[in-house]
Amino acid sequence: MILSLVRIIKAFRDYNRAYRELSELSERELADIGIDRGDIERVAAGAYRKAA
């Protein structure tokens, strides 16, 4: 139970980090990696799901 809680916390931190880092990129940098600003939440959520 404690391990699953730790995993959830880590995954949420990974989501926040991914969201923040992607949000700091310019439109050009986002386009270079094939996403636009509207995709940031979905991409960050994918990082969250992989980590959980």
Protein backbone atom coordinates (compact mmCIF):
# COMPACT_ATOMS: atom_id res chain seq x y z
CA MET A 1 0.00 0.00 0.00
CA ILE A 2 2.78 2.43 0.87
CA LEU A 3 4.62 1.53 -2.34
CA SER A 4 1.56 2.26 -4.46
CA LEU A 5 1.14 5.62 -2.74
CA VAL A 6 4.79 6.42 -3.43
CA ARG A 7 4.31 5.45 -7.09
CA ILE A 8 1.25 7.70 -7.40
CA ILE A 9 3.10 10.64 -5.87
CA LYS A 10 6.09 10.07 -8.15
CA ALA A 11 3.85 9.79 -11.20
CA PHE A 12 2.05 13.02 -10.32
CA ARG A 13 5.39 14.79 -9.89
CA ASP A 14 6.45 13.45 -13.31
CA TYR A 15 3.23 14.82 -14.81
CA ASN A 16 3.81 18.24 -13.26
CA ARG A 17 7.41 18.31 -14.46
CA ALA A 18 6.48 17.31 -18.01
CA TYR A 19 3.64 19.84 -18.12
CA ARG A 20 5.83 22.64 -16.81
CA GLU A 21 8.73 21.87 -19.14
CA LEU A 22 6.52 21.62 -22.21
CA SER A 23 4.70 24.83 -21.26
CA GLU A 24 8.01 26.69 -21.22
CA LEU A 25 8.78 25.77 -24.84
CA SER A 26 8.10 28.20 -27.67
CA GLU A 27 5.56 27.46 -30.40
CA ARG A 28 8.47 26.68 -32.73
CA GLU A 29 10.08 24.24 -30.29
CA LEU A 30 6.74 22.49 -29.75
CA ALA A 31 6.25 22.22 -33.51
CA ASP A 32 9.75 20.74 -33.84
CA ILE A 33 8.73 17.86 -31.57
CA GLY A 34 5.37 17.46 -33.30
CA ILE A 35 2.93 18.88 -30.76
CA ASP A 36 1.10 22.14 -30.29
CA ARG A 37 0.18 23.98 -27.13
CA GLY A 38 -3.20 22.23 -26.98
CA ASP A 39 -1.47 18.84 -26.79
CA ILE A 40 0.62 19.61 -23.71
CA GLU A 41 -1.87 18.32 -21.15
CA ARG A 42 -2.45 15.09 -23.11
CA VAL A 43 1.27 14.48 -23.57
CA ALA A 44 1.99 15.19 -19.90
CA ALA A 45 -0.89 12.91 -18.88
CA GLY A 46 0.70 10.17 -20.97
CA ALA A 47 3.87 10.58 -18.93
CA TYR A 48 1.74 10.34 -15.79
CA ARG A 49 0.06 7.11 -16.92
CA LYS A 50 3.36 5.49 -17.88
CA ALA A 51 4.86 6.26 -14.48
CA ALA A 52 1.84 5.03 -12.49
